[in-house]
């Protein structure tokens, strides 16, 4: 997600090198998406549980500490993957009579919703 220079005035909404005429925009939509699934958290969490059970129920006492270490590392990986799955990406879409375009993406929801409000204000010519 590269940082774009974004400006909105009464005539244009500009996103980096792309401009949209305000009077050609029919509607503005913000979509929320989770770019990272929770599969990694489930996988590493399950692996951690299996390794923990193997460490506690193993017949070879020399392997117990190794399994505990691997279970701890898998638990850390599961936590990291779970945190990553909670990331939300906000996408601003502009709809015209001819097409729909994703104009802006950010993980800052306030920024995207504020941008949507600015475009809507320009569309209705309100101060």
N, C-alpha and C. Protein backbone atom coordinates (compact mmCIF):
# COMPACT_ATOMS: atom_id res chain seq x y z
N UNK A 1 0.83 -1.17 0.00
CA UNK A 1 0.00 0.00 0.00
C UNK A 1 0.88 1.23 0.00
N UNK A 2 1.13 1.72 -1.16
CA UNK A 2 1.96 2.90 -1.30
C UNK A 2 1.18 4.13 -0.88
N UNK A 3 1.91 5.09 -0.37
CA UNK A 3 1.29 6.34 0.04
C UNK A 3 1.00 7.18 -1.20
N UNK A 4 -0.25 7.57 -1.38
CA UNK A 4 -0.67 8.37 -2.52
C UNK A 4 -0.95 9.78 -2.06
N UNK A 5 -0.71 10.72 -2.95
CA UNK A 5 -1.15 12.08 -2.67
C UNK A 5 -2.61 12.15 -3.10
N UNK A 6 -3.49 12.46 -2.16
CA UNK A 6 -4.92 12.48 -2.41
C UNK A 6 -5.45 13.88 -2.14
N UNK A 7 -6.17 14.43 -3.11
CA UNK A 7 -6.83 15.72 -2.93
C UNK A 7 -8.24 15.64 -3.49
N UNK A 8 -9.13 16.39 -2.86
CA UNK A 8 -10.52 16.47 -3.32
C UNK A 8 -10.90 17.94 -3.33
N UNK A 9 -11.42 18.41 -4.46
CA UNK A 9 -11.97 19.76 -4.54
C UNK A 9 -13.34 19.68 -5.22
N UNK A 10 -13.91 20.81 -5.56
CA UNK A 10 -15.26 20.81 -6.15
C UNK A 10 -15.31 20.17 -7.54
N UNK A 11 -14.17 20.06 -8.21
CA UNK A 11 -14.16 19.54 -9.58
C UNK A 11 -13.58 18.13 -9.72
N UNK A 12 -12.54 17.81 -8.94
CA UNK A 12 -11.85 16.53 -9.10
C UNK A 12 -11.51 15.88 -7.77
N UNK A 13 -11.49 14.54 -7.78
CA UNK A 13 -10.90 13.73 -6.72
C UNK A 13 -9.65 13.13 -7.34
N UNK A 14 -8.49 13.46 -6.77
CA UNK A 14 -7.22 13.02 -7.33
C UNK A 14 -6.55 12.02 -6.39
N UNK A 15 -6.15 10.89 -6.97
CA UNK A 15 -5.48 9.82 -6.23
C UNK A 15 -4.17 9.54 -6.95
N UNK A 16 -3.08 10.16 -6.49
CA UNK A 16 -1.81 10.01 -7.20
C UNK A 16 -1.95 10.55 -8.60
N UNK A 17 -1.68 9.74 -9.60
CA UNK A 17 -1.75 10.17 -10.99
C UNK A 17 -3.11 10.00 -11.63
N UNK A 18 -4.10 9.52 -10.88
CA UNK A 18 -5.44 9.28 -11.43
C UNK A 18 -6.42 10.32 -10.88
N UNK A 19 -7.21 10.91 -11.78
CA UNK A 19 -8.21 11.91 -11.39
C UNK A 19 -9.59 11.45 -11.81
N UNK A 20 -10.58 11.76 -10.97
CA UNK A 20 -11.98 11.46 -11.26
C UNK A 20 -12.75 12.77 -11.20
N UNK A 21 -13.51 13.08 -12.23
CA UNK A 21 -14.35 14.27 -12.21
C UNK A 21 -15.48 14.06 -11.23
N UNK A 22 -15.64 14.99 -10.31
CA UNK A 22 -16.66 14.87 -9.28
C UNK A 22 -18.05 14.72 -9.90
N UNK A 23 -18.33 15.47 -10.97
CA UNK A 23 -19.67 15.41 -11.57
C UNK A 23 -19.92 14.11 -12.34
N UNK A 24 -18.91 13.26 -12.49
CA UNK A 24 -19.08 11.96 -13.16
C UNK A 24 -19.22 10.81 -12.17
N UNK A 25 -19.00 11.10 -10.89
CA UNK A 25 -19.10 10.06 -9.86
C UNK A 25 -20.56 9.94 -9.44
N UNK A 26 -21.10 8.71 -9.54
CA UNK A 26 -22.49 8.46 -9.14
C UNK A 26 -22.60 8.09 -7.67
N UNK A 27 -21.65 7.30 -7.19
CA UNK A 27 -21.69 6.90 -5.79
C UNK A 27 -20.29 6.54 -5.31
N UNK A 28 -20.16 6.52 -3.99
CA UNK A 28 -18.89 6.22 -3.33
C UNK A 28 -19.16 5.11 -2.33
N UNK A 29 -18.30 4.12 -2.29
CA UNK A 29 -18.49 2.99 -1.37
C UNK A 29 -17.19 2.65 -0.67
N UNK A 30 -17.29 2.36 0.62
CA UNK A 30 -16.14 1.86 1.38
C UNK A 30 -16.40 0.39 1.68
N UNK A 31 -15.44 -0.44 1.34
CA UNK A 31 -15.52 -1.87 1.62
C UNK A 31 -14.42 -2.25 2.59
N UNK A 32 -14.74 -3.17 3.48
CA UNK A 32 -13.75 -3.67 4.43
C UNK A 32 -13.38 -5.10 4.03
N UNK A 33 -12.09 -5.38 4.06
CA UNK A 33 -11.63 -6.71 3.67
C UNK A 33 -10.51 -7.15 4.61
N UNK A 34 -10.46 -8.44 4.87
CA UNK A 34 -9.39 -9.03 5.67
C UNK A 34 -8.41 -9.69 4.70
N UNK A 35 -7.24 -9.07 4.45
CA UNK A 35 -6.34 -9.61 3.44
C UNK A 35 -5.65 -10.92 3.84
N UNK A 36 -5.65 -11.23 5.12
CA UNK A 36 -4.99 -12.46 5.59
C UNK A 36 -6.02 -13.33 6.29
N UNK A 37 -6.14 -14.55 5.87
CA UNK A 37 -7.10 -15.47 6.47
C UNK A 37 -6.63 -15.97 7.83
N UNK A 38 -7.46 -16.78 8.45
CA UNK A 38 -7.12 -17.32 9.77
C UNK A 38 -6.60 -18.75 9.69
N UNK A 39 -6.35 -19.24 8.49
CA UNK A 39 -5.87 -20.62 8.33
C UNK A 39 -4.55 -20.88 9.00
N UNK A 40 -3.63 -19.92 8.95
CA UNK A 40 -2.33 -20.10 9.58
C UNK A 40 -2.44 -20.23 11.08
N UNK A 41 -3.33 -19.44 11.69
CA UNK A 41 -3.52 -19.51 13.13
C UNK A 41 -4.07 -20.87 13.53
N UNK A 42 -5.00 -21.37 12.75
CA UNK A 42 -5.59 -22.69 13.05
C UNK A 42 -4.54 -23.78 12.88
N UNK A 43 -3.76 -23.70 11.81
CA UNK A 43 -2.73 -24.70 11.54
C UNK A 43 -1.69 -24.72 12.65
N UNK A 44 -1.12 -23.56 12.97
CA UNK A 44 -0.07 -23.51 14.00
C UNK A 44 -0.63 -23.81 15.38
N UNK A 45 -1.87 -23.40 15.65
CA UNK A 45 -2.49 -23.72 16.94
C UNK A 45 -2.68 -25.21 17.11
N UNK A 46 -3.15 -25.87 16.06
CA UNK A 46 -3.32 -27.33 16.11
C UNK A 46 -1.99 -28.05 16.27
N UNK A 47 -0.98 -27.57 15.53
CA UNK A 47 0.35 -28.18 15.64
C UNK A 47 0.89 -28.01 17.06
N UNK A 48 0.67 -26.86 17.64
CA UNK A 48 1.14 -26.60 19.00
C UNK A 48 0.48 -27.56 19.99
N UNK A 49 -0.81 -27.78 19.83
CA UNK A 49 -1.52 -28.71 20.74
C UNK A 49 -1.00 -30.14 20.58
N UNK A 50 -0.79 -30.55 19.34
CA UNK A 50 -0.28 -31.91 19.10
C UNK A 50 1.10 -32.08 19.73
N UNK A 51 1.97 -31.08 19.54
CA UNK A 51 3.31 -31.17 20.11
C UNK A 51 3.28 -31.14 21.64
N UNK A 52 2.36 -30.38 22.20
CA UNK A 52 2.24 -30.34 23.66
C UNK A 52 1.80 -31.69 24.21
N UNK A 53 0.81 -32.30 23.55
CA UNK A 53 0.36 -33.63 23.97
C UNK A 53 1.50 -34.64 23.82
N UNK A 54 2.26 -34.55 22.73
CA UNK A 54 3.38 -35.47 22.53
C UNK A 54 4.44 -35.27 23.60
N UNK A 55 4.66 -34.02 24.02
CA UNK A 55 5.67 -33.75 25.06
C UNK A 55 5.22 -34.31 26.40
N UNK A 56 3.94 -34.19 26.71
CA UNK A 56 3.45 -34.63 28.02
C UNK A 56 3.21 -36.13 28.10
N UNK A 57 2.92 -36.77 26.97
CA UNK A 57 2.60 -38.20 26.97
C UNK A 57 3.67 -39.05 26.33
N UNK A 58 4.79 -38.48 25.98
CA UNK A 58 5.83 -39.23 25.29
C UNK A 58 6.46 -40.29 26.16
N UNK A 59 6.88 -41.39 25.53
CA UNK A 59 7.54 -42.47 26.26
C UNK A 59 9.04 -42.23 26.40
N UNK A 60 9.60 -41.41 25.53
CA UNK A 60 11.03 -41.10 25.59
C UNK A 60 11.20 -39.76 26.31
N UNK A 61 11.70 -39.77 27.55
CA UNK A 61 11.82 -38.52 28.32
C UNK A 61 12.82 -37.53 27.72
N UNK A 62 13.72 -38.00 26.87
CA UNK A 62 14.70 -37.10 26.25
C UNK A 62 14.07 -36.21 25.18
N UNK A 63 12.95 -36.63 24.62
CA UNK A 63 12.29 -35.84 23.58
C UNK A 63 11.29 -34.84 24.13
N UNK A 64 10.91 -34.98 25.38
CA UNK A 64 9.92 -34.09 26.00
C UNK A 64 10.29 -32.62 25.89
N UNK A 65 11.50 -32.20 26.29
CA UNK A 65 11.86 -30.78 26.19
C UNK A 65 11.88 -30.27 24.74
N UNK A 66 12.28 -31.13 23.81
CA UNK A 66 12.29 -30.72 22.41
C UNK A 66 10.87 -30.46 21.92
N UNK A 67 9.96 -31.36 22.27
CA UNK A 67 8.56 -31.17 21.88
C UNK A 67 7.96 -29.93 22.55
N UNK A 68 8.32 -29.68 23.81
CA UNK A 68 7.83 -28.48 24.49
C UNK A 68 8.32 -27.22 23.80
N UNK A 69 9.59 -27.22 23.40
CA UNK A 69 10.14 -26.06 22.69
C UNK A 69 9.42 -25.86 21.35
N UNK A 70 9.22 -26.94 20.62
CA UNK A 70 8.52 -26.84 19.34
C UNK A 70 7.07 -26.40 19.54
N UNK A 71 6.43 -26.88 20.61
CA UNK A 71 5.06 -26.47 20.92
C UNK A 71 5.01 -24.97 21.22
N UNK A 72 6.00 -24.47 21.97
CA UNK A 72 6.05 -23.04 22.29
C UNK A 72 6.26 -22.21 21.02
N UNK A 73 7.16 -22.65 20.16
CA UNK A 73 7.39 -21.93 18.91
C UNK A 73 6.14 -21.94 18.03
N UNK A 74 5.45 -23.07 17.99
CA UNK A 74 4.21 -23.15 17.21
C UNK A 74 3.14 -22.24 17.80
N UNK A 75 3.09 -22.13 19.13
CA UNK A 75 2.12 -21.24 19.78
C UNK A 75 2.41 -19.78 19.43
N UNK A 76 3.68 -19.41 19.40
CA UNK A 76 4.06 -18.05 19.01
C UNK A 76 3.65 -17.79 17.56
N UNK A 77 3.91 -18.74 16.69
CA UNK A 77 3.52 -18.60 15.28
C UNK A 77 2.00 -18.50 15.14
N UNK A 78 1.26 -19.27 15.95
CA UNK A 78 -0.21 -19.22 15.91
C UNK A 78 -0.70 -17.85 16.35
N UNK A 79 -0.09 -17.30 17.40
CA UNK A 79 -0.48 -15.97 17.87
C UNK A 79 -0.20 -14.92 16.81
N UNK A 80 0.97 -14.98 16.18
CA UNK A 80 1.33 -14.03 15.12
C UNK A 80 0.33 -14.12 13.96
N UNK A 81 0.00 -15.34 13.55
CA UNK A 81 -0.94 -15.53 12.43
C UNK A 81 -2.34 -15.05 12.83
N UNK A 82 -2.73 -15.26 14.08
CA UNK A 82 -4.04 -14.79 14.54
C UNK A 82 -4.10 -13.27 14.51
N UNK A 83 -3.04 -12.62 15.01
CA UNK A 83 -2.99 -11.14 14.99
C UNK A 83 -3.06 -10.62 13.56
N UNK A 84 -2.35 -11.27 12.67
CA UNK A 84 -2.33 -10.86 11.27
C UNK A 84 -3.71 -11.03 10.62
N UNK A 85 -4.45 -12.06 11.03
CA UNK A 85 -5.78 -12.29 10.46
C UNK A 85 -6.78 -11.21 10.87
N UNK A 86 -6.47 -10.44 11.89
CA UNK A 86 -7.36 -9.37 12.37
C UNK A 86 -7.16 -8.06 11.63
N UNK A 87 -6.17 -7.99 10.74
CA UNK A 87 -5.91 -6.77 9.97
C UNK A 87 -7.07 -6.51 9.03
N UNK A 88 -7.54 -5.27 9.02
CA UNK A 88 -8.63 -4.87 8.12
C UNK A 88 -8.09 -3.85 7.14
N UNK A 89 -8.41 -4.06 5.89
CA UNK A 89 -8.03 -3.14 4.82
C UNK A 89 -9.31 -2.46 4.33
N UNK A 90 -9.28 -1.14 4.28
CA UNK A 90 -10.44 -0.36 3.84
C UNK A 90 -10.19 0.08 2.40
N UNK A 91 -11.17 -0.19 1.54
CA UNK A 91 -11.05 0.14 0.13
C UNK A 91 -12.14 1.15 -0.25
N UNK A 92 -11.73 2.22 -0.91
CA UNK A 92 -12.67 3.23 -1.38
C UNK A 92 -12.93 2.99 -2.86
N UNK A 93 -14.20 2.77 -3.22
CA UNK A 93 -14.59 2.56 -4.60
C UNK A 93 -15.42 3.73 -5.08
N UNK A 94 -15.14 4.17 -6.29
CA UNK A 94 -15.91 5.21 -6.94
C UNK A 94 -16.66 4.58 -8.10
N UNK A 95 -17.98 4.84 -8.17
CA UNK A 95 -18.78 4.29 -9.24
C UNK A 95 -19.20 5.42 -10.18
N UNK A 96 -19.00 5.18 -11.46
CA UNK A 96 -19.47 6.12 -12.49
C UNK A 96 -20.48 5.36 -13.35
N UNK A 97 -21.06 6.04 -14.31
CA UNK A 97 -22.04 5.37 -15.16
C UNK A 97 -21.40 4.28 -16.01
N UNK A 98 -20.10 4.38 -16.23
CA UNK A 98 -19.45 3.41 -17.11
C UNK A 98 -18.67 2.32 -16.37
N UNK A 99 -18.26 2.57 -15.14
CA UNK A 99 -17.44 1.56 -14.47
C UNK A 99 -17.38 1.80 -12.96
N UNK A 100 -16.69 0.86 -12.32
CA UNK A 100 -16.40 0.94 -10.89
C UNK A 100 -14.89 0.88 -10.76
N UNK A 101 -14.32 1.72 -9.90
CA UNK A 101 -12.87 1.73 -9.75
C UNK A 101 -12.49 1.80 -8.28
N UNK A 102 -11.52 0.96 -7.90
CA UNK A 102 -10.96 1.07 -6.56
C UNK A 102 -9.97 2.22 -6.60
N UNK A 103 -10.27 3.26 -5.87
CA UNK A 103 -9.45 4.47 -5.95
C UNK A 103 -8.42 4.55 -4.83
N UNK A 104 -8.68 3.93 -3.69
CA UNK A 104 -7.81 4.14 -2.54
C UNK A 104 -7.92 2.95 -1.60
N UNK A 105 -6.80 2.57 -0.97
CA UNK A 105 -6.76 1.48 0.00
C UNK A 105 -5.93 1.94 1.19
N UNK A 106 -6.42 1.66 2.39
CA UNK A 106 -5.68 2.01 3.60
C UNK A 106 -6.11 1.10 4.73
N UNK A 107 -5.27 0.96 5.72
CA UNK A 107 -5.64 0.22 6.93
C UNK A 107 -6.22 1.16 7.98
N UNK A 108 -6.24 2.44 7.66
CA UNK A 108 -6.80 3.45 8.56
C UNK A 108 -8.23 3.74 8.13
N UNK A 109 -9.19 3.16 8.85
CA UNK A 109 -10.59 3.32 8.51
C UNK A 109 -11.05 4.77 8.57
N UNK A 110 -10.58 5.51 9.57
CA UNK A 110 -10.97 6.92 9.70
C UNK A 110 -10.55 7.73 8.48
N UNK A 111 -9.36 7.44 7.97
CA UNK A 111 -8.86 8.14 6.78
C UNK A 111 -9.77 7.88 5.57
N UNK A 112 -10.15 6.64 5.37
CA UNK A 112 -10.96 6.28 4.20
C UNK A 112 -12.37 6.85 4.33
N UNK A 113 -12.96 6.73 5.52
CA UNK A 113 -14.31 7.28 5.70
C UNK A 113 -14.31 8.81 5.59
N UNK A 114 -13.28 9.46 6.07
CA UNK A 114 -13.16 10.91 5.93
C UNK A 114 -13.04 11.30 4.46
N UNK A 115 -12.26 10.54 3.71
CA UNK A 115 -12.11 10.78 2.28
C UNK A 115 -13.45 10.61 1.55
N UNK A 116 -14.18 9.57 1.93
CA UNK A 116 -15.52 9.36 1.35
C UNK A 116 -16.42 10.56 1.64
N UNK A 117 -16.39 11.04 2.88
CA UNK A 117 -17.21 12.21 3.24
C UNK A 117 -16.82 13.44 2.43
N UNK A 118 -15.53 13.65 2.21
CA UNK A 118 -15.07 14.79 1.41
C UNK A 118 -15.57 14.70 -0.03
N UNK A 119 -15.53 13.51 -0.60
CA UNK A 119 -16.00 13.32 -1.98
C UNK A 119 -17.51 13.54 -2.04
N UNK A 120 -18.24 13.00 -1.07
CA UNK A 120 -19.69 13.19 -1.06
C UNK A 120 -20.05 14.67 -0.90
N UNK A 121 -19.30 15.38 -0.07
CA UNK A 121 -19.54 16.81 0.11
C UNK A 121 -19.30 17.56 -1.20
N UNK A 122 -18.24 17.19 -1.91
CA UNK A 122 -17.95 17.82 -3.21
C UNK A 122 -19.04 17.47 -4.23
N UNK A 123 -19.55 16.24 -4.17
CA UNK A 123 -20.59 15.82 -5.10
C UNK A 123 -21.87 16.63 -4.90
N UNK A 124 -22.16 16.99 -3.67
CA UNK A 124 -23.40 17.74 -3.39
C UNK A 124 -23.13 19.23 -3.24
N UNK A 125 -21.87 19.64 -3.42
CA UNK A 125 -21.48 21.05 -3.34
C UNK A 125 -21.81 21.69 -2.00
N UNK A 126 -21.72 20.91 -0.91
CA UNK A 126 -21.94 21.47 0.41
C UNK A 126 -20.61 21.91 1.00
N UNK A 127 -20.60 22.99 1.77
CA UNK A 127 -19.35 23.43 2.42
C UNK A 127 -18.95 22.54 3.56
